């Protein structure tokens, strides 16, 4: 029960900050939301995008799932949770930025790379298979390399798979071509405390916010 008590204590702090004082943020938010960015992030408890970016309520529309994956567009019957959230963010809320936020030490990518992937569960294996093109690329280019190097490369390559899948949604592709929506591939390096961004010009992930040093603390 200690964890639950911590959550309730945290809500009281949130309540005091936004509802018990002079803060008028929720006076507007209770009427409507107007986020400018959709963030597709991992469900990993260590990589909350709002916490990582210091965002306030209403700043970002967030979708979280195992390994921050975006499935390709399909209109077959089914429960398309990520696609529904993407459609709402783009077509209803009119977000201007879609960010795929990957990270190091990702359990979902570990599952993708596991030799016995199919034994991990009835839902995990078919879900992470979305990123299989990333695994094939890493297996080909980094065969024989250290497992840590291969996993990091696969984590980053899976971000690119999701970016490619985003462009299979016709109404998003149209907006990207028109310049009304911008796509971003970010990678949070947990070991270094660094945020990287994919640069199409170089085909690499480069520091967007560099690691902490004594001079920039």
Protein backbone atom coordinates (compact mmCIF):
# COMPACT_ATOMS: atom_id res chain seq x y z
CA UNK A 1 0.00 0.00 0.00
CA UNK A 2 3.01 2.32 0.26
CA UNK A 3 3.00 2.85 -3.50
CA UNK A 4 -0.70 3.72 -3.52
CA UNK A 5 -0.21 6.14 -0.64
CA UNK A 6 2.61 7.78 -2.60
CA UNK A 7 0.32 8.18 -5.62
CA UNK A 8 -2.42 9.77 -3.49
CA UNK A 9 0.09 12.11 -1.86
CA UNK A 10 1.30 13.07 -5.32
CA UNK A 11 -2.25 13.80 -6.44
CA UNK A 12 -2.70 16.12 -3.46
CA UNK A 13 0.36 18.06 -4.59
CA UNK A 14 -1.07 18.21 -8.13
CA UNK A 15 -4.42 19.30 -6.69
CA UNK A 16 -2.86 22.09 -4.63
CA UNK A 17 -0.83 23.28 -7.61
CA UNK A 18 -3.60 23.39 -10.20
CA UNK A 19 -6.91 23.57 -8.31
CA UNK A 20 -6.44 25.08 -4.86
CA UNK A 21 -4.51 28.22 -5.73
CA UNK A 22 -4.53 30.92 -8.33
CA UNK A 23 -3.42 28.66 -11.19
CA UNK A 24 -6.00 29.09 -13.97
CA UNK A 25 -4.62 26.44 -16.33
CA UNK A 26 -7.50 24.01 -15.87
CA UNK A 27 -10.06 26.79 -16.23
CA UNK A 28 -9.17 26.64 -19.91
CA UNK A 29 -8.29 22.95 -20.16
CA UNK A 30 -11.64 21.80 -18.81
CA UNK A 31 -13.23 23.42 -21.87
CA UNK A 32 -10.85 22.00 -24.50
CA UNK A 33 -7.32 20.82 -25.14
CA UNK A 34 -5.00 22.29 -27.76
CA UNK A 35 -1.68 20.41 -27.71
CA UNK A 36 0.75 21.16 -30.51
CA UNK A 37 2.56 17.81 -30.34
CA UNK A 38 1.71 14.13 -30.35
CA UNK A 39 4.35 11.99 -28.63
CA UNK A 40 4.45 8.25 -29.27
CA UNK A 41 6.47 6.85 -26.40
CA UNK A 42 7.23 3.58 -24.67
CA UNK A 43 5.21 2.28 -21.72
CA UNK A 44 8.48 1.89 -19.79
CA UNK A 45 8.05 3.44 -16.34
CA UNK A 46 11.38 5.28 -16.66
CA UNK A 47 10.56 7.31 -19.75
CA UNK A 48 7.47 9.40 -19.07
CA UNK A 49 7.61 11.98 -21.91
CA UNK A 50 5.90 14.71 -19.87
CA UNK A 51 8.42 14.26 -17.06
CA UNK A 52 11.38 14.13 -19.45
CA UNK A 53 10.34 17.36 -21.16
CA UNK A 54 9.03 19.26 -18.13
CA UNK A 55 5.62 19.59 -19.78
CA UNK A 56 2.47 20.83 -18.10
CA UNK A 57 -1.02 19.39 -18.57
CA UNK A 58 -2.28 20.21 -22.05
CA UNK A 59 1.17 20.54 -23.64
CA UNK A 60 1.27 17.18 -25.40
CA UNK A 61 -1.03 14.41 -26.56
CA UNK A 62 0.62 11.12 -25.61
CA UNK A 63 0.35 7.55 -26.84
CA UNK A 64 2.40 4.95 -24.96
CA UNK A 65 2.87 1.32 -25.85
CA UNK A 66 5.51 -1.40 -25.69
CA UNK A 67 8.61 -0.17 -27.60
CA UNK A 68 6.94 3.04 -28.87
CA UNK A 69 5.76 1.37 -32.06
CA UNK A 70 3.47 2.61 -34.81
CA UNK A 71 1.81 -0.09 -36.92
CA UNK A 72 1.37 0.58 -40.65
CA UNK A 73 -1.95 1.94 -41.86
CA UNK A 74 -4.69 -0.62 -42.37
CA UNK A 75 -8.45 -0.28 -42.36
CA UNK A 76 -9.30 -3.90 -41.63
CA UNK A 77 -11.72 -4.62 -38.76
CA UNK A 78 -10.00 -4.62 -35.40
CA UNK A 79 -9.01 -2.54 -32.43
CA UNK A 80 -6.44 -0.08 -33.74
CA UNK A 81 -5.56 1.86 -30.60
CA UNK A 82 -2.43 3.63 -31.83
CA UNK A 83 -4.04 4.44 -35.17
CA UNK A 84 -7.14 5.87 -33.45
CA UNK A 85 -5.02 8.09 -31.22
CA UNK A 86 -2.98 9.23 -34.22
CA UNK A 87 -6.12 10.04 -36.17
CA UNK A 88 -7.59 12.02 -33.28
CA UNK A 89 -4.38 13.97 -32.70
CA UNK A 90 -3.88 14.84 -36.36
CA UNK A 91 -7.42 15.26 -37.70
CA UNK A 92 -9.28 16.54 -34.63
CA UNK A 93 -6.68 18.29 -32.47
CA UNK A 94 -4.57 19.45 -35.40
CA UNK A 95 -1.17 18.80 -33.85
CA UNK A 96 1.80 20.27 -35.69
CA UNK A 97 4.46 17.80 -34.53
CA UNK A 98 4.51 14.01 -34.22
CA UNK A 99 7.42 12.72 -32.16
CA UNK A 100 8.42 9.07 -31.89
CA UNK A 101 10.40 8.81 -28.65
CA UNK A 102 12.59 5.72 -28.34
CA UNK A 103 14.98 4.96 -25.52
CA UNK A 104 17.88 2.81 -24.38
CA UNK A 105 17.42 -0.35 -22.27
CA UNK A 106 14.06 -0.98 -23.96
CA UNK A 107 12.45 -4.22 -22.83
CA UNK A 108 10.25 -4.31 -25.92
CA UNK A 109 13.28 -4.31 -28.22
CA UNK A 110 14.92 -6.92 -26.01
CA UNK A 111 11.84 -9.05 -26.61
CA UNK A 112 12.09 -8.44 -30.37
CA UNK A 113 15.72 -9.61 -30.35
CA UNK A 114 15.13 -12.62 -28.08
CA UNK A 115 15.76 -16.01 -29.72
CA UNK A 116 12.66 -17.40 -27.98
CA UNK A 117 10.46 -14.40 -28.74
CA UNK A 118 7.38 -16.50 -29.41
CA UNK A 119 7.50 -17.84 -25.87
CA UNK A 120 7.21 -14.40 -24.28
CA UNK A 121 3.43 -14.27 -24.39
CA UNK A 122 0.46 -14.22 -26.71
CA UNK A 123 0.43 -10.44 -27.18
CA UNK A 124 4.06 -9.29 -26.84
CA UNK A 125 5.55 -11.31 -29.69
CA UNK A 126 3.08 -10.26 -32.43
CA UNK A 127 3.20 -6.64 -31.26
CA UNK A 128 6.99 -6.19 -31.33
CA UNK A 129 7.06 -7.92 -34.72
CA UNK A 130 6.06 -4.50 -36.11
CA UNK A 131 9.74 -3.55 -35.68
CA UNK A 132 11.08 -6.67 -37.40
CA UNK A 133 12.56 -4.64 -40.31
CA UNK A 134 14.81 -2.95 -37.74
CA UNK A 135 15.95 -6.32 -36.44
CA UNK A 136 16.72 -7.56 -39.96
CA UNK A 137 18.78 -4.45 -40.68
CA UNK A 138 20.80 -4.76 -37.48
CA UNK A 139 21.31 -8.50 -37.95
CA UNK A 140 22.71 -7.85 -41.42
CA UNK A 141 24.87 -4.81 -40.72
CA UNK A 142 26.08 -5.62 -37.20
CA UNK A 143 26.44 -9.38 -37.28
CA UNK A 144 28.95 -10.50 -34.65
CA UNK A 145 28.94 -7.16 -32.83
CA UNK A 146 28.47 -6.81 -29.07
CA UNK A 147 24.89 -7.35 -27.93
CA UNK A 148 24.74 -3.89 -26.32
CA UNK A 149 25.76 -2.26 -29.59
CA UNK A 150 23.21 -4.30 -31.52
CA UNK A 151 20.37 -3.47 -29.12
CA UNK A 152 21.08 0.26 -29.23
CA UNK A 153 21.14 0.13 -33.02
CA UNK A 154 17.88 -1.83 -33.06
CA UNK A 155 16.22 0.64 -30.67
CA UNK A 156 17.14 3.51 -32.96
CA UNK A 157 16.25 1.63 -36.14
CA UNK A 158 12.83 0.81 -34.71
CA UNK A 159 12.17 4.54 -34.32
CA UNK A 160 12.77 4.88 -38.05
CA UNK A 161 10.39 1.99 -38.76
CA UNK A 162 7.68 3.84 -36.84
CA UNK A 163 8.41 7.06 -38.74
CA UNK A 164 8.09 5.17 -42.02
CA UNK A 165 4.83 3.59 -40.86
CA UNK A 166 3.44 7.00 -39.96
CA UNK A 167 3.75 8.00 -43.62
CA UNK A 168 1.52 5.09 -44.65
CA UNK A 169 -1.47 6.97 -43.17
CA UNK A 170 -2.72 8.95 -46.19
CA UNK A 171 -4.10 11.92 -44.26
CA UNK A 172 -0.85 12.27 -42.28
CA UNK A 173 1.32 11.86 -45.38
CA UNK A 174 -0.68 14.64 -47.05
CA UNK A 175 -0.14 17.00 -44.11
CA UNK A 176 3.59 16.21 -43.95
CA UNK A 177 3.92 16.93 -47.69
CA UNK A 178 2.06 20.22 -47.20
CA UNK A 179 4.37 21.22 -44.33
CA UNK A 180 1.57 21.47 -41.77
CA UNK A 181 2.83 18.51 -39.72
CA UNK A 182 6.45 17.67 -38.92
CA UNK A 183 7.76 14.25 -37.92
CA UNK A 184 10.58 13.77 -35.40
CA UNK A 185 12.54 10.71 -34.29
CA UNK A 186 13.99 11.12 -30.79
CA UNK A 187 16.03 8.73 -28.66
CA UNK A 188 16.54 9.08 -24.90
CA UNK A 189 19.91 7.65 -23.85
CA UNK A 190 19.22 6.64 -20.28
CA UNK A 191 22.84 5.87 -19.44
CA UNK A 192 24.14 9.26 -20.54
CA UNK A 193 21.09 11.37 -19.73
CA UNK A 194 21.11 12.62 -23.32
CA UNK A 195 18.40 13.28 -25.91
CA UNK A 196 19.22 12.45 -29.53
CA UNK A 197 17.34 13.33 -32.70
CA UNK A 198 17.42 11.57 -36.07
CA UNK A 199 18.87 13.70 -38.86
CA UNK A 200 17.73 12.57 -42.33
CA UNK A 201 20.62 14.51 -43.87
CA UNK A 202 23.23 12.31 -42.20
CA UNK A 203 21.15 9.20 -41.47
CA UNK A 204 22.31 9.28 -37.85
CA UNK A 205 21.02 10.17 -34.39
CA UNK A 206 22.78 13.26 -33.10
CA UNK A 207 22.54 15.06 -29.71
CA UNK A 208 19.54 17.35 -29.46
CA UNK A 209 20.23 18.01 -25.79
CA UNK A 210 23.74 16.89 -24.84
CA UNK A 211 24.64 15.06 -21.65
CA UNK A 212 25.06 17.03 -18.44
CA UNK A 213 28.42 18.60 -17.62
CA UNK A 214 29.37 20.85 -14.75
CA UNK A 215 29.18 23.84 -17.10
CA UNK A 216 25.58 23.27 -18.23
CA UNK A 217 23.95 22.15 -14.98
